[in-house]
């Protein structure tokens, strides 16, 4: 059970990262192909050729997404710490364990939903060719296929 929690927490964290729009410079996604070391913001500039009008329309969504994502990642981290502490007590039936697990699950679910909602918002502001490339990149990021 603990392994499942750790793996699902990691998956939620990675899902939040791969769709993040406002990476600090130098923060890179862990990719194993031609995009190695490239964050999504840079990738979008270089591969999707997003124009200024699109960026101006996406800006408010990006800011809200980034704020919400950071809040949920903090909650996920805090829930993970509480879960680790509860695991250390060794009682799976303890209320602290159940509450911490629920906290992690709730933050994960919210982060996954936020990420998917943001993906669809982004897609609405792209032309069909850009949207197709975003879908392909996102699919490949999730499934770890890097045959570009």
Protein backbone atom coordinates (compact mmCIF):
# COMPACT_ATOMS: atom_id res chain seq x y z
CA UNK A 1 0.00 0.00 0.00
CA UNK A 2 2.81 2.41 0.86
CA UNK A 3 4.46 1.80 -2.51
CA UNK A 4 1.19 2.59 -4.28
CA UNK A 5 0.89 5.87 -2.38
CA UNK A 6 4.47 6.85 -3.17
CA UNK A 7 4.12 5.94 -6.86
CA UNK A 8 0.79 7.72 -7.24
CA UNK A 9 2.15 10.79 -5.43
CA UNK A 10 5.11 10.83 -7.77
CA UNK A 11 2.82 10.46 -10.79
CA UNK A 12 0.68 13.39 -9.63
CA UNK A 13 3.76 15.52 -9.08
CA UNK A 14 5.11 14.68 -12.54
CA UNK A 15 1.76 15.33 -14.15
CA UNK A 16 1.76 18.79 -12.60
CA UNK A 17 5.29 19.45 -13.81
CA UNK A 18 4.86 18.40 -17.40
CA UNK A 19 2.05 20.88 -18.04
CA UNK A 20 3.56 23.75 -16.07
CA UNK A 21 3.71 26.89 -18.16
CA UNK A 22 5.83 29.19 -16.07
CA UNK A 23 9.01 27.31 -15.31
CA UNK A 24 11.82 29.29 -13.83
CA UNK A 25 14.65 29.40 -16.32
CA UNK A 26 16.84 26.36 -16.00
CA UNK A 27 14.15 24.11 -14.50
CA UNK A 28 14.01 21.20 -16.91
CA UNK A 29 11.68 18.34 -17.56
CA UNK A 30 13.15 14.87 -17.36
CA UNK A 31 12.91 13.80 -20.99
CA UNK A 32 15.08 11.29 -22.73
CA UNK A 33 14.80 12.47 -26.32
CA UNK A 34 15.63 15.52 -28.43
CA UNK A 35 13.88 17.76 -25.89
CA UNK A 36 16.17 16.76 -23.03
CA UNK A 37 16.62 19.67 -20.66
CA UNK A 38 13.88 21.73 -22.29
CA UNK A 39 11.03 23.03 -20.16
CA UNK A 40 7.50 23.20 -21.57
CA UNK A 41 7.58 26.98 -21.96
CA UNK A 42 10.74 26.76 -24.09
CA UNK A 43 9.40 23.77 -25.98
CA UNK A 44 6.23 25.66 -26.81
CA UNK A 45 8.16 28.65 -28.14
CA UNK A 46 10.41 26.48 -30.27
CA UNK A 47 7.99 23.77 -31.41
CA UNK A 48 4.52 25.30 -31.36
CA UNK A 49 5.45 28.77 -32.55
CA UNK A 50 2.95 30.42 -30.23
CA UNK A 51 2.36 33.98 -31.35
CA UNK A 52 2.10 37.04 -29.13
CA UNK A 53 -1.68 37.15 -29.41
CA UNK A 54 -1.92 33.56 -28.19
CA UNK A 55 0.48 34.23 -25.31
CA UNK A 56 -1.50 37.29 -24.26
CA UNK A 57 -4.72 35.25 -24.20
CA UNK A 58 -3.06 32.35 -22.36
CA UNK A 59 -1.34 34.56 -19.76
CA UNK A 60 -4.16 34.76 -17.21
CA UNK A 61 -4.77 31.00 -17.43
CA UNK A 62 -1.08 30.31 -17.00
CA UNK A 63 -0.84 32.46 -13.90
CA UNK A 64 -3.88 30.89 -12.25
CA UNK A 65 -2.74 27.39 -13.15
CA UNK A 66 0.73 28.01 -11.73
CA UNK A 67 -0.67 29.43 -8.48
CA UNK A 68 -3.09 26.52 -8.07
CA UNK A 69 -0.43 23.97 -9.03
CA UNK A 70 2.02 25.34 -6.45
CA UNK A 71 -0.69 25.29 -3.77
CA UNK A 72 -1.59 21.68 -4.56
CA UNK A 73 2.04 20.57 -4.68
CA UNK A 74 2.55 22.07 -1.22
CA UNK A 75 -0.55 20.26 0.01
CA UNK A 76 0.63 17.02 -1.57
CA UNK A 77 4.03 17.43 0.06
CA UNK A 78 2.48 18.18 3.45
CA UNK A 79 0.15 15.22 3.08
CA UNK A 80 3.09 13.01 2.14
CA UNK A 81 4.99 14.13 5.23
CA UNK A 82 1.95 13.40 7.43
CA UNK A 83 1.58 10.02 5.77
CA UNK A 84 5.25 9.20 6.31
CA UNK A 85 4.92 10.15 9.97
CA UNK A 86 1.78 8.02 10.33
CA UNK A 87 3.51 5.11 8.60
CA UNK A 88 6.31 5.41 11.11
CA UNK A 89 3.82 4.69 13.85
CA UNK A 90 3.08 1.38 12.13
CA UNK A 91 -0.68 1.28 12.61
CA UNK A 92 -2.55 1.13 9.32
CA UNK A 93 -5.89 1.43 11.09
CA UNK A 94 -4.94 4.58 13.03
CA UNK A 95 -6.99 7.68 12.26
CA UNK A 96 -3.81 9.68 11.59
CA UNK A 97 -2.85 7.24 8.85
CA UNK A 98 -6.29 7.30 7.24
CA UNK A 99 -6.49 11.11 7.39
CA UNK A 100 -3.03 11.51 5.90
CA UNK A 101 -3.80 9.04 3.12
CA UNK A 102 -7.03 10.86 2.33
CA UNK A 103 -5.14 14.17 2.29
CA UNK A 104 -2.64 12.80 -0.24
CA UNK A 105 -5.38 11.25 -2.37
CA UNK A 106 -7.41 14.46 -2.37
CA UNK A 107 -4.45 16.65 -3.35
CA UNK A 108 -3.50 14.15 -6.08
CA UNK A 109 -6.99 14.08 -7.52
CA UNK A 110 -7.19 17.88 -7.52
CA UNK A 111 -3.78 18.19 -9.16
CA UNK A 112 -4.66 15.69 -11.87
CA UNK A 113 -7.96 17.43 -12.58
CA UNK A 114 -6.30 20.85 -12.62
CA UNK A 115 -3.63 19.58 -15.02
CA UNK A 116 -6.15 18.07 -17.42
CA UNK A 117 -8.39 21.14 -17.29
CA UNK A 118 -5.41 23.34 -18.09
CA UNK A 119 -4.38 21.12 -20.98
CA UNK A 120 -7.81 21.61 -22.57
CA UNK A 121 -7.72 25.38 -21.97
CA UNK A 122 -4.32 25.55 -23.68
CA UNK A 123 -5.55 23.47 -26.58
CA UNK A 124 -8.47 25.88 -27.18
CA UNK A 125 -6.03 28.73 -27.86
CA UNK A 126 -3.91 26.89 -30.39
CA UNK A 127 -4.44 26.42 -34.09
CA UNK A 128 -5.13 22.82 -35.22
CA UNK A 129 -1.48 22.05 -36.09
CA UNK A 130 -0.23 23.44 -32.77
CA UNK A 131 -2.91 21.52 -30.88
CA UNK A 132 -1.93 18.29 -32.62
CA UNK A 133 1.72 18.78 -31.64
CA UNK A 134 0.73 19.58 -28.05
CA UNK A 135 -1.41 16.44 -27.89
CA UNK A 136 1.42 14.34 -29.29
CA UNK A 137 3.98 15.81 -26.87
CA UNK A 138 1.63 15.39 -23.92
CA UNK A 139 0.77 11.82 -24.91
CA UNK A 140 4.44 10.97 -25.29
CA UNK A 141 5.29 12.61 -21.96
CA UNK A 142 2.66 10.58 -20.17
CA UNK A 143 3.47 7.30 -21.87
CA UNK A 144 7.22 7.93 -22.08
CA UNK A 145 7.29 7.40 -25.84
CA UNK A 146 9.97 9.54 -27.36
CA UNK A 147 10.08 8.54 -30.99
CA UNK A 148 9.95 12.05 -32.48
